[in-house]
Amino acid sequence: MANPYKIAIVGASSLRGKELSEALTESPFAAADFVLMDEEEQIGQLETVGDEMTFVQRIDPAEFERADFVFFADSEASTRKYWKAAQKAGASIVDMTAGIESEPGVLLRAPWVQDSGEAEGETPGLATSAVVPAHPVAVAVGLLTQRLEQLGALRFASVTVLEPASEYGREAMDELHQQTVNLLNFQTLPKSIYDTQVAFTATPVFGEAGKFLLPEREARIRRHYAALRGQARAVPLQLVHTPVFHGYGLSMSAEFAQPVALEHVEAALQGEHVDVIMGDADAPTNLSSAGQGDVLVRVRTASGAAEKATQFWIWAALDNLRVASLNAVACAMELQKLRPRGKVQ
């Protein structure tokens, strides 16, 4: 019987790390030997992986020596600090932070989109030691445009992306919560993460002293989408941060060269990883998408009429952490085909 894989998760206590642990235990990697790692302040914390309770330990590059896979789920800085040690140890690396996407030989992957037969970019091979799973919004938009094109030429498509606080981790969620409480109590707002008010407002830019730059995140989504579908299929995209804790909302405008029936658009979008909500059912929201591995979608003609049309509005919602984790697991499954036996003795 083949030895189980050993999987190290760096940033296991982060929002991404926790969701990834759950996704891995629901995958073919469920029998793996897991090692949970994090920065100093998280050491000793008890986490659940499947049916097992495991302590979070200090990030130790020596642990990479016996690891088959190392997932980086903490921060870009942490990934850049430790990934070379994992690469030197011979582990397959899955970087969920996109911290090493510009490094030579690192591939950007989204198997849900790229396994369609219209793959853009390089396929992992024996020389591939690291992959960056594509941004979940790029994956979702890639799936939608790919399926819309089955109905005929798309004359134009554009997307407005509504971003949640959980994309920036627990600290960002805490600051959104505290800003909300302080506003209701007429108190000064904490701004160490955003350097601007994010409670009760939507914004396309954060303050200059904020820890994150929204235009950089927007550019990453565009870059990842272009890598998945090709620069010739690039779509205009705007990222807006919204005062919600979890889940992306996507408002997409799509225009066909020739009129198409609404039911044909719905049928084309429906399928693996996409669930089309039709009829009188409640429209998708960031709440209804929570915990869902599919992209939830509702479609209507631009005019609201039921006849054939060339212009459509597509509203989609997806659980950002869940979709990102499932995409990371799918990327690891691609790498697993290149290393069918684990190293644990």
C-alpha atoms as a PDB file:
ATOM      1  CA  MET A   1       0.000   0.000   0.000  1.00  0.00           C
ATOM      2  CA  ALA A   2       1.364   3.442  -0.944  1.00  0.00           C
ATOM      3  CA  ASN A   3       2.520   5.659   1.885  1.00  0.00           C
ATOM      4  CA  PRO A   4       0.280   8.689   2.560  1.00  0.00           C
ATOM      5  CA  TYR A   5       1.349  12.121   1.463  1.00  0.00           C
ATOM      6  CA  LYS A   6       2.695  14.607   3.943  1.00  0.00           C
ATOM      7  CA  ILE A   7       1.144  18.052   3.522  1.00  0.00           C
ATOM      8  CA  ALA A   8       2.391  21.202   5.246  1.00  0.00           C
ATOM      9  CA  ILE A   9       0.113  24.239   5.485  1.00  0.00           C
ATOM     10  CA  VAL A  10       1.931  27.501   6.184  1.00  0.00           C
ATOM     11  CA  GLY A  11      -0.563  29.978   7.628  1.00  0.00           C
ATOM     12  CA  ALA A  12      -2.846  27.244   8.928  1.00  0.00           C
ATOM     13  CA  SER A  13      -4.580  29.584  11.392  1.00  0.00           C
ATOM     14  CA  SER A  14      -5.459  32.176   8.752  1.00  0.00           C
ATOM     15  CA  LEU A  15      -8.906  32.324   7.174  1.00  0.00           C
ATOM     16  CA  ARG A  16      -7.477  30.816   3.991  1.00  0.00           C
ATOM     17  CA  GLY A  17      -5.602  28.152   5.930  1.00  0.00           C
ATOM     18  CA  LYS A  18      -8.655  27.021   7.870  1.00  0.00           C
ATOM     19  CA  GLU A  19     -10.799  26.786   4.730  1.00  0.00           C
ATOM     20  CA  LEU A  20      -8.000  24.968   2.904  1.00  0.00           C
ATOM     21  CA  SER A  21      -7.701  22.383   5.696  1.00  0.00           C
ATOM     22  CA  GLU A  22     -11.398  21.617   5.349  1.00  0.00           C
ATOM     23  CA  ALA A  23     -11.209  21.370   1.560  1.00  0.00           C
ATOM     24  CA  LEU A  24      -8.221  19.013   1.740  1.00  0.00           C
ATOM     25  CA  THR A  25      -9.969  16.660   4.162  1.00  0.00           C
ATOM     26  CA  GLU A  26     -12.907  16.437   1.743  1.00  0.00           C
ATOM     27  CA  SER A  27     -10.573  15.607  -1.157  1.00  0.00           C
ATOM     28  CA  PRO A  28      -8.474  12.597  -2.216  1.00  0.00           C
ATOM     29  CA  PHE A  29      -5.789  14.018   0.112  1.00  0.00           C
ATOM     30  CA  ALA A  30      -7.918  13.263   3.190  1.00  0.00           C
ATOM     31  CA  ALA A  31      -5.613  10.445   4.370  1.00  0.00           C
ATOM     32  CA  ALA A  32      -2.505  12.642   4.235  1.00  0.00           C
ATOM     33  CA  ASP A  33      -0.279  13.405   7.195  1.00  0.00           C
ATOM     34  CA  PHE A  34      -0.872  17.121   7.900  1.00  0.00           C
ATOM     35  CA  VAL A  35       1.559  19.557   9.496  1.00  0.00           C
ATOM     36  CA  LEU A  36       0.078  22.925  10.455  1.00  0.00           C
ATOM     37  CA  MET A  37       2.454  25.888  10.680  1.00  0.00           C
ATOM     38  CA  ASP A  38       2.088  29.559  11.493  1.00  0.00           C
ATOM     39  CA  GLU A  39       3.857  32.606  12.885  1.00  0.00           C
ATOM     40  CA  GLU A  40       4.849  32.902  16.548  1.00  0.00           C
ATOM     41  CA  GLU A  41       1.564  34.274  17.913  1.00  0.00           C
ATOM     42  CA  GLN A  42      -0.412  31.280  16.622  1.00  0.00           C
ATOM     43  CA  ILE A  43       1.901  28.552  17.966  1.00  0.00           C
ATOM     44  CA  GLY A  44       0.190  25.979  20.176  1.00  0.00           C
ATOM     45  CA  GLN A  45      -3.259  26.756  18.849  1.00  0.00           C
ATOM     46  CA  LEU A  46      -5.381  23.626  18.400  1.00  0.00           C
ATOM     47  CA  GLU A  47      -6.924  23.134  14.958  1.00  0.00           C
ATOM     48  CA  THR A  48      -9.167  20.427  13.507  1.00  0.00           C
ATOM     49  CA  VAL A  49      -8.114  18.654  10.316  1.00  0.00           C
ATOM     50  CA  GLY A  50     -10.798  16.165   9.357  1.00  0.00           C
ATOM     51  CA  ASP A  51     -11.477  14.113  12.501  1.00  0.00           C
ATOM     52  CA  GLU A  52      -8.058  14.853  14.000  1.00  0.00           C
ATOM     53  CA  MET A  53      -6.994  17.595  16.373  1.00  0.00           C
ATOM     54  CA  THR A  54      -3.559  19.022  15.546  1.00  0.00           C
ATOM     55  CA  PHE A  55      -1.426  21.682  17.214  1.00  0.00           C
ATOM     56  CA  VAL A  56      -0.140  24.567  15.146  1.00  0.00           C
ATOM     57  CA  GLN A  57       3.651  24.671  15.253  1.00  0.00           C
ATOM     58  CA  ARG A  58       6.265  27.268  14.432  1.00  0.00           C
ATOM     59  CA  ILE A  59       7.164  27.608  10.751  1.00  0.00           C
ATOM     60  CA  ASP A  60      10.198  25.342  10.465  1.00  0.00           C
ATOM     61  CA  PRO A  61      11.845  24.915   7.044  1.00  0.00           C
ATOM     62  CA  ALA A  62      13.271  21.596   8.291  1.00  0.00           C
ATOM     63  CA  GLU A  63       9.718  20.192   8.188  1.00  0.00           C
ATOM     64  CA  PHE A  64       9.661  20.755   4.429  1.00  0.00           C
ATOM     65  CA  GLU A  65      12.267  17.996   3.998  1.00  0.00           C
ATOM     66  CA  ARG A  66       9.671  15.253   4.365  1.00  0.00           C
ATOM     67  CA  ALA A  67       6.754  17.153   2.830  1.00  0.00           C
ATOM     68  CA  ASP A  68       5.260  16.201  -0.519  1.00  0.00           C
ATOM     69  CA  PHE A  69       3.148  19.370  -0.748  1.00  0.00           C
ATOM     70  CA  VAL A  70       3.538  22.749   0.911  1.00  0.00           C
ATOM     71  CA  PHE A  71       0.569  25.124   0.748  1.00  0.00           C
ATOM     72  CA  PHE A  72       1.263  28.780   1.499  1.00  0.00           C
ATOM     73  CA  ALA A  73      -1.920  30.415   2.838  1.00  0.00           C
ATOM     74  CA  ASP A  74      -0.691  33.227   5.079  1.00  0.00           C
ATOM     75  CA  SER A  75       0.752  36.340   3.403  1.00  0.00           C
ATOM     76  CA  GLU A  76       2.804  37.230   0.352  1.00  0.00           C
ATOM     77  CA  ALA A  77       5.747  38.157   2.605  1.00  0.00           C
ATOM     78  CA  SER A  78       5.626  34.826   4.419  1.00  0.00           C
ATOM     79  CA  THR A  79       5.533  32.924   1.131  1.00  0.00           C
ATOM     80  CA  ARG A  80       8.511  34.797  -0.264  1.00  0.00           C
ATOM     81  CA  LYS A  81      10.423  34.137   2.966  1.00  0.00           C
ATOM     82  CA  TYR A  82       9.974  30.353   3.022  1.00  0.00           C
ATOM     83  CA  TRP A  83       9.176  29.078  -0.463  1.00  0.00           C
ATOM     84  CA  LYS A  84      12.779  28.561  -1.545  1.00  0.00           C
ATOM     85  CA  ALA A  85      13.320  26.197   1.394  1.00  0.00           C
ATOM     86  CA  ALA A  86      10.274  24.176   0.339  1.00  0.00           C
ATOM     87  CA  GLN A  87      11.494  24.116  -3.259  1.00  0.00           C
ATOM     88  CA  LYS A  88      14.976  22.993  -2.204  1.00  0.00           C
ATOM     89  CA  ALA A  89      13.399  20.171  -0.173  1.00  0.00           C
ATOM     90  CA  GLY A  90      11.695  18.872  -3.310  1.00  0.00           C
ATOM     91  CA  ALA A  91       8.111  19.624  -2.200  1.00  0.00           C
ATOM     92  CA  SER A  92       5.398  20.619  -4.649  1.00  0.00           C
ATOM     93  CA  ILE A  93       4.362  24.178  -3.781  1.00  0.00           C
ATOM     94  CA  VAL A  94       0.868  25.677  -4.017  1.00  0.00           C
ATOM     95  CA  ASP A  95       1.002  29.417  -3.303  1.00  0.00           C
ATOM     96  CA  MET A  96      -2.459  30.754  -2.447  1.00  0.00           C
ATOM     97  CA  THR A  97      -1.028  34.210  -1.668  1.00  0.00           C
ATOM     98  CA  ALA A  98       0.313  34.856  -5.201  1.00  0.00           C
ATOM     99  CA  GLY A  99       3.527  36.023  -3.562  1.00  0.00           C
ATOM    100  CA  ILE A 100       5.748  34.157  -6.040  1.00  0.00           C
ATOM    101  CA  GLU A 101       3.692  34.415  -9.231  1.00  0.00           C
ATOM    102  CA  SER A 102       6.425  36.416 -10.963  1.00  0.00           C
ATOM    103  CA  GLU A 103       9.163  33.893 -10.146  1.00  0.00           C
ATOM    104  CA  PRO A 104      10.624  31.951 -13.103  1.00  0.00           C
ATOM    105  CA  GLY A 105       9.031  28.563 -13.627  1.00  0.00           C
ATOM    106  CA  VAL A 106       6.018  29.241 -11.380  1.00  0.00           C
ATOM    107  CA  LEU A 107       2.766  28.499 -13.215  1.00  0.00           C
ATOM    108  CA  LEU A 108      -0.627  30.143 -12.792  1.00  0.00           C
ATOM    109  CA  ARG A 109      -3.344  27.494 -12.804  1.00  0.00           C
ATOM    110  CA  ALA A 110      -7.133  27.122 -12.653  1.00  0.00           C
ATOM    111  CA  PRO A 111      -8.011  23.558 -13.718  1.00  0.00           C
ATOM    112  CA  TRP A 112     -11.760  24.305 -13.745  1.00  0.00           C
ATOM    113  CA  VAL A 113     -11.162  26.703 -16.629  1.00  0.00           C
ATOM    114  CA  GLN A 114      -8.034  25.318 -18.221  1.00  0.00           C
ATOM    115  CA  ASP A 115      -9.251  21.702 -18.419  1.00  0.00           C
ATOM    116  CA  SER A 116     -11.957  22.758 -20.875  1.00  0.00           C
ATOM    117  CA  GLY A 117      -9.781  22.165 -23.924  1.00  0.00           C
ATOM    118  CA  GLU A 118      -9.221  25.910 -24.441  1.00  0.00           C
ATOM    119  CA  ALA A 119      -6.268  26.031 -22.081  1.00  0.00           C
ATOM    120  CA  GLU A 120      -4.058  29.087 -22.084  1.00  0.00           C
ATOM    121  CA  GLY A 121      -0.615  28.970 -20.564  1.00  0.00           C
ATOM    122  CA  GLU A 122       1.758  26.165 -19.771  1.00  0.00           C
ATOM    123  CA  THR A 123       0.638  22.818 -18.331  1.00  0.00           C
ATOM    124  CA  PRO A 124       2.475  21.504 -15.234  1.00  0.00           C
ATOM    125  CA  GLY A 125       5.273  19.074 -16.037  1.00  0.00           C
ATOM    126  CA  LEU A 126       7.991  17.186 -14.214  1.00  0.00           C
ATOM    127  CA  ALA A 127      10.031  20.389 -13.886  1.00  0.00           C
ATOM    128  CA  THR A 128       7.142  22.288 -12.249  1.00  0.00           C
ATOM    129  CA  SER A 129       7.832  22.803  -8.553  1.00  0.00           C
ATOM    130  CA  ALA A 130       5.354  25.600  -7.784  1.00  0.00           C
ATOM    131  CA  VAL A 131       1.953  26.808  -8.936  1.00  0.00           C
ATOM    132  CA  VAL A 132      -0.175  29.824  -8.043  1.00  0.00           C
ATOM    133  CA  PRO A 133      -3.928  29.084  -8.058  1.00  0.00           C
ATOM    134  CA  ALA A 134      -5.698  31.831 -10.022  1.00  0.00           C
ATOM    135  CA  HIS A 135      -7.732  34.436  -8.142  1.00  0.00           C
ATOM    136  CA  PRO A 136     -11.273  33.100  -7.482  1.00  0.00           C
ATOM    137  CA  VAL A 137     -12.834  36.022  -9.373  1.00  0.00           C
ATOM    138  CA  ALA A 138     -10.660  35.278 -12.416  1.00  0.00           C
ATOM    139  CA  VAL A 139     -11.788  31.643 -12.179  1.00  0.00           C
ATOM    140  CA  ALA A 140     -15.472  32.621 -11.937  1.00  0.00           C
ATOM    141  CA  VAL A 141     -15.355  35.148 -14.782  1.00  0.00           C
ATOM    142  CA  GLY A 142     -13.334  32.688 -16.854  1.00  0.00           C
ATOM    143  CA  LEU A 143     -15.987  29.996 -16.409  1.00  0.00           C
ATOM    144  CA  LEU A 144     -18.825  32.387 -17.291  1.00  0.00           C
ATOM    145  CA  THR A 145     -17.272  33.909 -20.412  1.00  0.00           C
ATOM    146  CA  GLN A 146     -16.049  30.519 -21.593  1.00  0.00           C
ATOM    147  CA  ARG A 147     -19.595  29.144 -21.486  1.00  0.00           C
ATOM    148  CA  LEU A 148     -21.216  32.249 -22.941  1.00  0.00           C
ATOM    149  CA  GLU A 149     -18.977  31.922 -25.988  1.00  0.00           C
ATOM    150  CA  GLN A 150     -20.564  28.542 -26.728  1.00  0.00           C
ATOM    151  CA  LEU A 151     -23.668  30.470 -27.847  1.00  0.00           C
ATOM    152  CA  GLY A 152     -21.872  32.655 -30.372  1.00  0.00           C
ATOM    153  CA  ALA A 153     -19.547  35.601 -30.577  1.00  0.00           C
ATOM    154  CA  LEU A 154     -19.424  37.884 -27.553  1.00  0.00           C
ATOM    155  CA  ARG A 155     -19.313  41.460 -28.801  1.00  0.00           C
ATOM    156  CA  PHE A 156     -18.588  42.890 -25.370  1.00  0.00           C
ATOM    157  CA  ALA A 157     -18.453  41.932 -21.688  1.00  0.00           C
ATOM    158  CA  SER A 158     -17.530  43.864 -18.545  1.00  0.00           C
ATOM    159  CA  VAL A 159     -17.558  43.090 -14.833  1.00  0.00           C
ATOM    160  CA  THR A 160     -17.924  45.044 -11.600  1.00  0.00           C
ATOM    161  CA  VAL A 161     -16.554  43.040  -8.663  1.00  0.00           C
ATOM    162  CA  LEU A 162     -17.806  43.621  -5.113  1.00  0.00           C
ATOM    163  CA  GLU A 163     -15.093  42.533  -2.683  1.00  0.00           C
ATOM    164  CA  PRO A 164     -15.488  41.344   0.953  1.00  0.00           C
ATOM    165  CA  ALA A 165     -13.285  42.114   3.941  1.00  0.00           C
ATOM    166  CA  SER A 166     -12.233  38.473   4.409  1.00  0.00           C
ATOM    167  CA  GLU A 167     -10.004  38.767   1.328  1.00  0.00           C
ATOM    168  CA  TYR A 168      -7.578  40.639   3.591  1.00  0.00           C
ATOM    169  CA  GLY A 169      -7.767  38.320   6.576  1.00  0.00           C
ATOM    170  CA  ARG A 170      -9.130  38.373  10.080  1.00  0.00           C
ATOM    171  CA  GLU A 171      -7.612  41.761  10.963  1.00  0.00           C
ATOM    172  CA  ALA A 172      -9.534  43.429   8.134  1.00  0.00           C
ATOM    173  CA  MET A 173     -12.773  41.783   9.266  1.00  0.00           C
ATOM    174  CA  ASP A 174     -12.146  42.937  12.835  1.00  0.00           C
ATOM    175  CA  GLU A 175     -11.540  46.511  11.683  1.00  0.00           C
ATOM    176  CA  LEU A 176     -14.760  46.525   9.630  1.00  0.00           C
ATOM    177  CA  HIS A 177     -16.653  45.224  12.667  1.00  0.00           C
ATOM    178  CA  GLN A 178     -15.096  47.772  15.027  1.00  0.00           C
ATOM    179  CA  GLN A 179     -15.708  50.646  12.607  1.00  0.00           C
ATOM    180  CA  THR A 180     -19.373  49.653  12.434  1.00  0.00           C
ATOM    181  CA  VAL A 181     -19.676  49.553  16.222  1.00  0.00           C
ATOM    182  CA  ASN A 182     -17.825  52.841  16.676  1.00  0.00           C
ATOM    183  CA  LEU A 183     -19.904  54.652  14.052  1.00  0.00           C
ATOM    184  CA  LEU A 184     -23.108  53.603  15.780  1.00  0.00           C
ATOM    185  CA  ASN A 185     -21.667  54.910  19.054  1.00  0.00           C
ATOM    186  CA  PHE A 186     -20.280  58.148  17.548  1.00  0.00           C
ATOM    187  CA  GLN A 187     -16.691  57.150  18.345  1.00  0.00           C
ATOM    188  CA  THR A 188     -13.394  57.502  16.442  1.00  0.00           C
ATOM    189  CA  LEU A 189     -12.865  54.889  13.727  1.00  0.00           C
ATOM    190  CA  PRO A 190      -9.913  52.472  13.771  1.00  0.00           C
ATOM    191  CA  LYS A 191      -8.089  52.711  10.415  1.00  0.00           C
ATOM    192  CA  SER A 192      -4.868  50.711  10.817  1.00  0.00           C
ATOM    193  CA  ILE A 193      -5.776  48.265   8.015  1.00  0.00           C
ATOM    194  CA  TYR A 194      -7.723  50.367   5.501  1.00  0.00           C
ATOM    195  CA  ASP A 195      -6.763  53.944   6.430  1.00  0.00           C
ATOM    196  CA  THR A 196     -10.291  54.932   5.420  1.00  0.00           C
ATOM    197  CA  GLN A 197     -13.885  54.296   6.397  1.00  0.00           C
ATOM    198  CA  VAL A 198     -15.147  50.991   4.987  1.00  0.00           C
ATOM    199  CA  ALA A 199     -18.161  50.490   7.265  1.00  0.00           C
ATOM    200  CA  PHE A 200     -21.483  51.474   5.639  1.00  0.00           C
ATOM    201  CA  THR A 201     -19.731  52.472   2.415  1.00  0.00           C
ATOM    202  CA  ALA A 202     -18.297  51.062  -0.804  1.00  0.00           C
ATOM    203  CA  THR A 203     -14.949  52.278  -2.078  1.00  0.00           C
ATOM    204  CA  PRO A 204     -12.700  51.722  -5.118  1.00  0.00           C
ATOM    205  CA  VAL A 205      -9.578  52.807  -3.210  1.00  0.00           C
ATOM    206  CA  PHE A 206      -8.133  52.580   0.319  1.00  0.00           C
ATOM    207  CA  GLY A 207      -6.215  55.248   2.200  1.00  0.00           C
ATOM    208  CA  GLU A 208      -2.572  55.901   1.368  1.00  0.00           C
ATOM    209  CA  ALA A 209      -1.394  54.471   4.703  1.00  0.00           C
ATOM    210  CA  GLY A 210      -3.525  51.337   4.412  1.00  0.00           C
ATOM    211  CA  LYS A 211      -1.896  47.900   4.462  1.00  0.00           C
ATOM    212  CA  PHE A 212      -3.340  46.958   1.075  1.00  0.00           C
ATOM    213  CA  LEU A 213      -3.711  48.605  -2.328  1.00  0.00           C
ATOM    214  CA  LEU A 214      -7.023  47.962  -4.072  1.00  0.00           C
ATOM    215  CA  PRO A 215      -5.690  48.811  -7.573  1.00  0.00           C
ATOM    216  CA  GLU A 216      -3.039  46.084  -7.125  1.00  0.00           C
ATOM    217  CA  ARG A 217      -5.734  43.510  -6.337  1.00  0.00           C
ATOM    218  CA  GLU A 218      -7.751  44.666  -9.333  1.00  0.00           C
ATOM    219  CA  ALA A 219      -4.688  44.351 -11.565  1.00  0.00           C
ATOM    220  CA  ARG A 220      -4.055  40.835 -10.230  1.00  0.00           C
ATOM    221  CA  ILE A 221      -7.555  39.705 -11.170  1.00  0.00           C
ATOM    222  CA  ARG A 222      -7.150  41.143 -14.665  1.00  0.00           C
ATOM    223  CA  ARG A 223      -3.732  39.533 -15.032  1.00  0.00           C
ATOM    224  CA  HIS A 224      -4.955  36.138 -13.866  1.00  0.00           C
ATOM    225  CA  TYR A 225      -8.001  36.261 -16.122  1.00  0.00           C
ATOM    226  CA  ALA A 226      -5.850  37.142 -19.136  1.00  0.00           C
ATOM    227  CA  ALA A 227      -3.525  34.254 -18.296  1.00  0.00           C
ATOM    228  CA  LEU A 228      -6.467  31.842 -18.191  1.00  0.00           C
ATOM    229  CA  ARG A 229      -8.374  33.006 -21.254  1.00  0.00           C
ATOM    230  CA  GLY A 230      -5.840  34.914 -23.319  1.00  0.00           C
ATOM    231  CA  GLN A 231      -5.211  38.635 -23.620  1.00  0.00           C
ATOM    232  CA  ALA A 232      -7.444  38.822 -26.693  1.00  0.00           C
ATOM    233  CA  ARG A 233     -10.439  37.883 -24.502  1.00  0.00           C
ATOM    234  CA  ALA A 234      -9.685  40.404 -21.751  1.00  0.00           C
ATOM    235  CA  VAL A 235     -12.754  42.119 -20.265  1.00  0.00           C
ATOM    236  CA  PRO A 236     -12.978  45.545 -18.558  1.00  0.00           C
ATOM    237  CA  LEU A 237     -13.142  44.960 -14.802  1.00  0.00           C
ATOM    238  CA  GLN A 238     -13.538  47.246 -11.794  1.00  0.00           C
ATOM    239  CA  LEU A 239     -12.983  46.161  -8.190  1.00  0.00           C
ATOM    240  CA  VAL A 240     -15.024  47.835  -5.435  1.00  0.00           C
ATOM    241  CA  HIS A 241     -14.558  47.004  -1.756  1.00  0.00           C
ATOM    242  CA  THR A 242     -17.893  46.605   0.064  1.00  0.00           C
ATOM    243  CA  PRO A 243     -18.817  46.499   3.775  1.00  0.00           C
ATOM    244  CA  VAL A 244     -19.490  42.745   3.911  1.00  0.00           C
ATOM    245  CA  PHE A 245     -17.450  40.094   5.681  1.00  0.00           C
ATOM    246  CA  HIS A 246     -17.546  37.195   3.212  1.00  0.00           C
ATOM    247  CA  GLY A 247     -18.361  36.453  -0.413  1.00  0.00           C
ATOM    248  CA  TYR A 248     -17.824  38.146  -3.761  1.00  0.00           C
ATOM    249  CA  GLY A 249     -20.602  39.654  -5.836  1.00  0.00           C
ATOM    250  CA  LEU A 250     -20.106  39.984  -9.607  1.00  0.00           C
ATOM    251  CA  SER A 251     -22.215  42.194 -11.872  1.00  0.00           C
ATOM    252  CA  MET A 252     -21.477  41.246 -15.484  1.00  0.00           C
ATOM    253  CA  SER A 253     -22.782  42.848 -18.657  1.00  0.00           C
ATOM    254  CA  ALA A 254     -22.598  40.635 -21.747  1.00  0.00           C
ATOM    255  CA  GLU A 255     -23.521  41.512 -25.327  1.00  0.00           C
ATOM    256  CA  PHE A 256     -23.777  38.949 -28.148  1.00  0.00           C
ATOM    257  CA  ALA A 257     -23.355  39.665 -31.817  1.00  0.00           C
ATOM    258  CA  GLN A 258     -26.685  37.939 -32.519  1.00  0.00           C
ATOM    259  CA  PRO A 259     -29.894  37.648 -30.425  1.00  0.00           C
ATOM    260  CA  VAL A 260     -29.990  34.715 -27.998  1.00  0.00           C
ATOM    261  CA  ALA A 261     -32.867  33.297 -25.941  1.00  0.00           C
ATOM    262  CA  LEU A 262     -32.653  33.721 -22.166  1.00  0.00           C
ATOM    263  CA  GLU A 263     -33.169  30.007 -21.560  1.00  0.00           C
ATOM    264  CA  HIS A 264     -30.253  29.230 -23.864  1.00  0.00           C
ATOM    265  CA  VAL A 265     -27.970  31.539 -21.877  1.00  0.00           C
ATOM    266  CA  GLU A 266     -29.072  29.865 -18.642  1.00  0.00           C
ATOM    267  CA  ALA A 267     -28.533  26.401 -20.102  1.00  0.00           C
ATOM    268  CA  ALA A 268     -25.063  27.309 -21.378  1.00  0.00           C
ATOM    269  CA  LEU A 269     -23.951  28.642 -17.985  1.00  0.00           C
ATOM    270  CA  GLN A 270     -25.378  25.755 -15.952  1.00  0.00           C
ATOM    271  CA  GLY A 271     -22.897  22.958 -15.315  1.00  0.00           C
ATOM    272  CA  GLU A 272     -20.003  21.843 -13.179  1.00  0.00           C
ATOM    273  CA  HIS A 273     -18.920  24.605 -10.742  1.00  0.00           C
ATOM    274  CA  VAL A 274     -21.764  26.939 -11.829  1.00  0.00           C
ATOM    275  CA  ASP A 275     -25.304  26.781 -10.424  1.00  0.00           C
ATOM    276  CA  VAL A 276     -27.866  28.918 -12.271  1.00  0.00           C
ATOM    277  CA  ILE A 277     -30.768  30.137 -10.112  1.00  0.00           C
ATOM    278  CA  MET A 278     -33.915  30.374 -12.234  1.00  0.00           C
ATOM    279  CA  GLY A 279     -37.577  31.248 -11.845  1.00  0.00           C
ATOM    280  CA  ASP A 280     -38.912  32.651  -8.595  1.00  0.00           C
ATOM    281  CA  ALA A 281     -36.083  31.320  -6.421  1.00  0.00           C
ATOM    282  CA  ASP A 282     -34.214  33.857  -4.308  1.00  0.00           C
ATOM    283  CA  ALA A 283     -31.393  35.601  -6.137  1.00  0.00           C
ATOM    284  CA  PRO A 284     -27.810  34.625  -5.203  1.00  0.00           C
ATOM    285  CA  THR A 285     -26.178  36.657  -2.431  1.00  0.00           C
ATOM    286  CA  ASN A 286     -22.935  36.518  -0.515  1.00  0.00           C
ATOM    287  CA  LEU A 287     -24.977  34.892   2.276  1.00  0.00           C
ATOM    288  CA  SER A 288     -26.519  32.166   0.119  1.00  0.00           C
ATOM    289  CA  SER A 289     -23.134  31.409  -1.439  1.00  0.00           C
ATOM    290  CA  ALA A 290     -21.456  30.888   1.951  1.00  0.00           C
ATOM    291  CA  GLY A 291     -19.991  27.399   2.136  1.00  0.00           C
ATOM    292  CA  GLN A 292     -20.856  26.678  -1.486  1.00  0.00           C
ATOM    293  CA  GLY A 293     -18.204  25.410  -3.871  1.00  0.00           C
ATOM    294  CA  ASP A 294     -20.143  26.588  -6.935  1.00  0.00           C
ATOM    295  CA  VAL A 295     -20.549  30.028  -8.441  1.00  0.00           C
ATOM    296  CA  LEU A 296     -24.228  30.981  -8.021  1.00  0.00           C
ATOM    297  CA  VAL A 297     -25.697  32.848 -11.000  1.00  0.00           C
ATOM    298  CA  ARG A 298     -28.873  34.627 -12.092  1.00  0.00           C
ATOM    299  CA  VAL A 299     -29.408  35.926 -15.649  1.00  0.00           C
ATOM    300  CA  ARG A 300     -31.823  38.454 -17.166  1.00  0.00           C
ATOM    301  CA  THR A 301     -32.043  40.335 -20.421  1.00  0.00           C
ATOM    302  CA  ALA A 302     -30.897  43.961 -20.266  1.00  0.00           C
ATOM    303  CA  SER A 303     -34.447  45.149 -20.963  1.00  0.00           C
ATOM    304  CA  GLY A 304     -36.052  42.705 -18.552  1.00  0.00           C
ATOM    305  CA  ALA A 305     -38.213  41.293 -21.346  1.00  0.00           C
ATOM    306  CA  ALA A 306     -38.400  37.558 -22.007  1.00  0.00           C
ATOM    307  CA  GLU A 307     -37.818  37.611 -25.776  1.00  0.00           C
ATOM    308  CA  LYS A 308     -34.496  37.001 -27.481  1.00  0.00           C
ATOM    309  CA  ALA A 309     -31.896  39.672 -26.819  1.00  0.00           C
ATOM    310  CA  THR A 310     -28.293  40.550 -27.498  1.00  0.00           C
ATOM    311  CA  GLN A 311     -27.652  42.213 -24.111  1.00  0.00           C
ATOM    312  CA  PHE A 312     -27.807  40.419 -20.771  1.00  0.00           C
ATOM    313  CA  TRP A 313     -27.075  41.145 -17.124  1.00  0.00           C
ATOM    314  CA  ILE A 314     -25.495  38.340 -15.135  1.00  0.00           C
ATOM    315  CA  TRP A 315     -25.362  38.509 -11.362  1.00  0.00           C
ATOM    316  CA  ALA A 316     -23.079  36.009  -9.608  1.00  0.00           C
ATOM    317  CA  ALA A 317     -22.081  35.315  -6.006  1.00  0.00           C
ATOM    318  CA  LEU A 318     -19.318  33.078  -4.705  1.00  0.00           C
ATOM    319  CA  ASP A 319     -17.696  32.170  -1.421  1.00  0.00           C
ATOM    320  CA  ASN A 320     -14.229  33.649  -1.891  1.00  0.00           C
ATOM    321  CA  LEU A 321     -12.463  31.403   0.630  1.00  0.00           C
ATOM    322  CA  ARG A 322     -14.210  28.203  -0.435  1.00  0.00           C
ATOM    323  CA  VAL A 323     -13.661  28.651  -4.173  1.00  0.00           C
ATOM    324  CA  ALA A 324     -10.037  29.666  -3.614  1.00  0.00           C
ATOM    325  CA  SER A 325      -9.425  26.541  -1.510  1.00  0.00           C
ATOM    326  CA  LEU A 326     -11.100  24.193  -3.988  1.00  0.00           C
ATOM    327  CA  ASN A 327      -9.033  25.697  -6.796  1.00  0.00           C
ATOM    328  CA  ALA A 328      -5.870  25.194  -4.724  1.00  0.00           C
ATOM    329  CA  VAL A 329      -6.769  21.542  -4.144  1.00  0.00           C
ATOM    330  CA  ALA A 330      -7.445  21.099  -7.869  1.00  0.00           C
ATOM    331  CA  CYS A 331      -3.988  22.544  -8.582  1.00  0.00           C
ATOM    332  CA  ALA A 332      -2.425  20.115  -6.100  1.00  0.00           C
ATOM    333  CA  MET A 333      -4.246  17.243  -7.806  1.00  0.00           C
ATOM    334  CA  GLU A 334      -2.545  18.242 -11.064  1.00  0.00           C
ATOM    335  CA  LEU A 335       0.837  18.156  -9.335  1.00  0.00           C
ATOM    336  CA  GLN A 336      -0.044  14.872  -7.609  1.00  0.00           C
ATOM    337  CA  LYS A 337      -0.203  13.152 -10.996  1.00  0.00           C
ATOM    338  CA  LEU A 338       3.489  13.982 -11.370  1.00  0.00           C
ATOM    339  CA  ARG A 339       4.420  12.465  -7.972  1.00  0.00           C
ATOM    340  CA  PRO A 340       2.152   9.436  -7.382  1.00  0.00           C
ATOM    341  CA  ARG A 341       3.850   8.246  -4.184  1.00  0.00           C
ATOM    342  CA  GLY A 342       4.454  10.124  -0.964  1.00  0.00           C
ATOM    343  CA  LYS A 343       7.774  10.559   0.846  1.00  0.00           C
ATOM    344  CA  VAL A 344       6.594   9.713   4.376  1.00  0.00           C
ATOM    345  CA  GLN A 345       8.350   6.588   5.652  1.00  0.00           C
END
